[in-house]
C-alpha atoms as a PDB file:
ATOM      1  CA  UNK A   1      -0.018   0.189  -0.100  1.00  0.00           C
ATOM      2  CA  UNK A   2       1.295   3.724  -0.545  1.00  0.00           C
ATOM      3  CA  UNK A   3      -0.367   6.726  -0.914  1.00  0.00           C
ATOM      4  CA  UNK A   4       1.328  10.528  -0.976  1.00  0.00           C
ATOM      5  CA  UNK A   5      -0.545  13.220  -1.399  1.00  0.00           C
ATOM      6  CA  UNK A   6       0.839  15.586  -3.622  1.00  0.00           C
ATOM      7  CA  UNK A   7       3.743  13.936  -4.438  1.00  0.00           C
ATOM      8  CA  UNK A   8       3.861  10.798  -6.829  1.00  0.00           C
ATOM      9  CA  UNK A   9       2.737   7.567  -5.656  1.00  0.00           C
ATOM     10  CA  UNK A  10       5.714   4.528  -5.057  1.00  0.00           C
ATOM     11  CA  UNK A  11       3.302   1.861  -5.607  1.00  0.00           C
ATOM     12  CA  UNK A  12      -0.067   0.848  -7.079  1.00  0.00           C
ATOM     13  CA  UNK A  13      -2.511   2.702  -5.269  1.00  0.00           C
ATOM     14  CA  UNK A  14      -6.211  -0.049  -4.179  1.00  0.00           C
ATOM     15  CA  UNK A  15      -8.741   1.752  -6.037  1.00  0.00           C
ATOM     16  CA  UNK A  16      -9.947   3.743  -2.159  1.00  0.00           C
ATOM     17  CA  UNK A  17      -6.691   4.684  -2.510  1.00  0.00           C
ATOM     18  CA  UNK A  18      -7.048   6.050  -4.945  1.00  0.00           C
ATOM     19  CA  UNK A  19     -10.351   7.726  -4.455  1.00  0.00           C
ATOM     20  CA  UNK A  20      -9.335   9.345  -1.690  1.00  0.00           C
ATOM     21  CA  UNK A  21      -5.705  10.289  -3.284  1.00  0.00           C
ATOM     22  CA  UNK A  22      -8.592  12.398  -6.073  1.00  0.00           C
ATOM     23  CA  UNK A  23     -10.712  13.239  -3.823  1.00  0.00           C
ATOM     24  CA  UNK A  24      -8.555  15.746  -1.886  1.00  0.00           C
ATOM     25  CA  UNK A  25      -7.113  17.218  -4.599  1.00  0.00           C
ATOM     26  CA  UNK A  26     -10.459  17.706  -5.410  1.00  0.00           C
ATOM     27  CA  UNK A  27     -11.360  19.499  -1.979  1.00  0.00           C
ATOM     28  CA  UNK A  28      -8.259  21.564  -2.940  1.00  0.00           C
ATOM     29  CA  UNK A  29      -9.883  23.471  -5.754  1.00  0.00           C
ATOM     30  CA  UNK A  30      -7.284  23.898  -7.884  1.00  0.00           C
ATOM     31  CA  UNK A  31      -7.510  22.232 -11.263  1.00  0.00           C
ATOM     32  CA  UNK A  32      -3.749  21.697 -11.623  1.00  0.00           C
ATOM     33  CA  UNK A  33      -4.072  19.055  -8.234  1.00  0.00           C
ATOM     34  CA  UNK A  34      -6.500  17.733  -9.642  1.00  0.00           C
ATOM     35  CA  UNK A  35      -5.050  16.782 -13.038  1.00  0.00           C
ATOM     36  CA  UNK A  36      -1.694  16.563 -11.921  1.00  0.00           C
ATOM     37  CA  UNK A  37      -4.393  13.650  -9.303  1.00  0.00           C
ATOM     38  CA  UNK A  38      -6.039  12.458 -11.697  1.00  0.00           C
ATOM     39  CA  UNK A  39      -2.659  11.675 -13.865  1.00  0.00           C
ATOM     40  CA  UNK A  40      -1.325   9.952 -10.923  1.00  0.00           C
ATOM     41  CA  UNK A  41      -3.681   7.622 -10.707  1.00  0.00           C
ATOM     42  CA  UNK A  42      -4.535   7.188 -14.756  1.00  0.00           C
ATOM     43  CA  UNK A  43      -0.323   5.664 -14.263  1.00  0.00           C
ATOM     44  CA  UNK A  44      -1.577   2.914 -11.893  1.00  0.00           C
ATOM     45  CA  UNK A  45      -3.371   1.515 -14.687  1.00  0.00           C
ATOM     46  CA  UNK A  46      -3.394   0.288 -17.585  1.00  0.00           C
ATOM     47  CA  UNK A  47      -3.162   3.546 -19.623  1.00  0.00           C
ATOM     48  CA  UNK A  48      -4.513   2.152 -23.456  1.00  0.00           C
ATOM     49  CA  UNK A  49      -7.766   1.160 -21.406  1.00  0.00           C
ATOM     50  CA  UNK A  50      -8.358   3.974 -20.136  1.00  0.00           C
ATOM     51  CA  UNK A  51      -8.044   6.010 -23.247  1.00  0.00           C
ATOM     52  CA  UNK A  52     -10.001   3.695 -26.282  1.00  0.00           C
ATOM     53  CA  UNK A  53     -13.112   4.011 -22.913  1.00  0.00           C
ATOM     54  CA  UNK A  54     -13.037   7.868 -22.181  1.00  0.00           C
ATOM     55  CA  UNK A  55     -12.311   7.633 -26.589  1.00  0.00           C
ATOM     56  CA  UNK A  56      -9.540   9.969 -26.651  1.00  0.00           C
ATOM     57  CA  UNK A  57      -6.467   9.431 -27.625  1.00  0.00           C
ATOM     58  CA  UNK A  58      -3.329   7.397 -25.842  1.00  0.00           C
ATOM     59  CA  UNK A  59      -1.139  10.350 -26.124  1.00  0.00           C
ATOM     60  CA  UNK A  60      -3.833  13.197 -25.706  1.00  0.00           C
ATOM     61  CA  UNK A  61      -4.623  11.582 -22.922  1.00  0.00           C
ATOM     62  CA  UNK A  62      -1.586  12.072 -21.227  1.00  0.00           C
ATOM     63  CA  UNK A  63      -1.322  15.300 -22.051  1.00  0.00           C
ATOM     64  CA  UNK A  64      -3.951  16.160 -20.434  1.00  0.00           C
ATOM     65  CA  UNK A  65      -2.905  14.867 -16.792  1.00  0.00           C
ATOM     66  CA  UNK A  66       0.567  16.039 -16.994  1.00  0.00           C
ATOM     67  CA  UNK A  67       0.730  19.060 -15.571  1.00  0.00           C
ATOM     68  CA  UNK A  68       1.271  21.858 -18.672  1.00  0.00           C
ATOM     69  CA  UNK A  69      -0.879  25.100 -17.542  1.00  0.00           C
ATOM     70  CA  UNK A  70      -3.697  24.091 -20.563  1.00  0.00           C
ATOM     71  CA  UNK A  71      -6.324  22.213 -18.882  1.00  0.00           C
ATOM     72  CA  UNK A  72      -8.338  19.606 -19.958  1.00  0.00           C
ATOM     73  CA  UNK A  73     -11.660  19.840 -20.722  1.00  0.00           C
ATOM     74  CA  UNK A  74     -14.293  18.890 -18.081  1.00  0.00           C
ATOM     75  CA  UNK A  75     -15.892  16.246 -20.867  1.00  0.00           C
ATOM     76  CA  UNK A  76     -12.812  14.474 -20.455  1.00  0.00           C
ATOM     77  CA  UNK A  77     -11.976  14.499 -17.074  1.00  0.00           C
ATOM     78  CA  UNK A  78     -15.315  12.899 -16.964  1.00  0.00           C
ATOM     79  CA  UNK A  79     -14.442  10.041 -19.136  1.00  0.00           C
ATOM     80  CA  UNK A  80     -11.148   9.546 -17.567  1.00  0.00           C
ATOM     81  CA  UNK A  81     -12.855   8.960 -14.588  1.00  0.00           C
ATOM     82  CA  UNK A  82     -15.777   7.150 -16.086  1.00  0.00           C
ATOM     83  CA  UNK A  83     -13.262   5.048 -17.082  1.00  0.00           C
ATOM     84  CA  UNK A  84     -11.284   4.339 -13.858  1.00  0.00           C
ATOM     85  CA  UNK A  85     -14.221   3.128 -12.918  1.00  0.00           C
ATOM     86  CA  UNK A  86     -15.117   6.038 -10.577  1.00  0.00           C
ATOM     87  CA  UNK A  87     -17.747   9.358 -10.400  1.00  0.00           C
ATOM     88  CA  UNK A  88     -17.912  12.982  -8.700  1.00  0.00           C
ATOM     89  CA  UNK A  89     -19.826  13.158  -6.364  1.00  0.00           C
ATOM     90  CA  UNK A  90     -21.466  16.861  -5.141  1.00  0.00           C
ATOM     91  CA  UNK A  91     -22.074  17.248  -1.142  1.00  0.00           C
ATOM     92  CA  UNK A  92     -23.045  20.440   0.175  1.00  0.00           C
ATOM     93  CA  UNK A  93     -21.069  21.808   2.731  1.00  0.00           C
ATOM     94  CA  UNK A  94     -20.336  24.536   5.071  1.00  0.00           C
ATOM     95  CA  UNK A  95     -18.965  28.456   5.664  1.00  0.00           C
ATOM     96  CA  UNK A  96     -20.081  31.347   2.604  1.00  0.00           C
ATOM     97  CA  UNK A  97     -22.183  30.779  -1.034  1.00  0.00           C
ATOM     98  CA  UNK A  98     -23.930  32.455  -2.815  1.00  0.00           C
ATOM     99  CA  UNK A  99     -27.314  33.125  -2.147  1.00  0.00           C
ATOM    100  CA  UNK A 100     -30.715  31.369  -3.499  1.00  0.00           C
ATOM    101  CA  UNK A 101     -32.695  32.298  -5.548  1.00  0.00           C
ATOM    102  CA  UNK A 102     -36.434  32.150  -4.942  1.00  0.00           C
ATOM    103  CA  UNK A 103     -38.548  31.745  -7.504  1.00  0.00           C
ATOM    104  CA  UNK A 104     -42.428  33.232  -7.843  1.00  0.00           C
ATOM    105  CA  UNK A 105     -43.584  30.734 -10.124  1.00  0.00           C
ATOM    106  CA  UNK A 106     -41.988  26.877  -9.130  1.00  0.00           C
ATOM    107  CA  UNK A 107     -39.342  26.719  -6.287  1.00  0.00           C
ATOM    108  CA  UNK A 108     -38.676  22.638  -8.802  1.00  0.00           C
ATOM    109  CA  UNK A 109     -34.754  21.904 -10.663  1.00  0.00           C
ATOM    110  CA  UNK A 110     -35.342  21.704 -14.342  1.00  0.00           C
ATOM    111  CA  UNK A 111     -35.304  17.868 -15.280  1.00  0.00           C
ATOM    112  CA  UNK A 112     -31.739  16.753 -16.424  1.00  0.00           C
END
């Protein structure tokens, strides 16, 4: 078992360790850290398989998560996470946030 946050790992990660590593990166809200973490976790898998399942070229996968100043689009991030067996989950957090708008006609959110 080898997990470190903010550094490259020295061995394969379990699914739980990978998820913890990714969640830690997402908690930072730093897109560079998030991309770096996705790249680290992706290297624990067969890159060709991930690229194929994500619908992108293998070289594009390497480039997207190599830590360059140009970041991948959100669809690529979601597709790569999905290819590795992960999904994003949104939760409410405590603290400051934007005020909500009170709609007159309907308080129902649109169907997605």
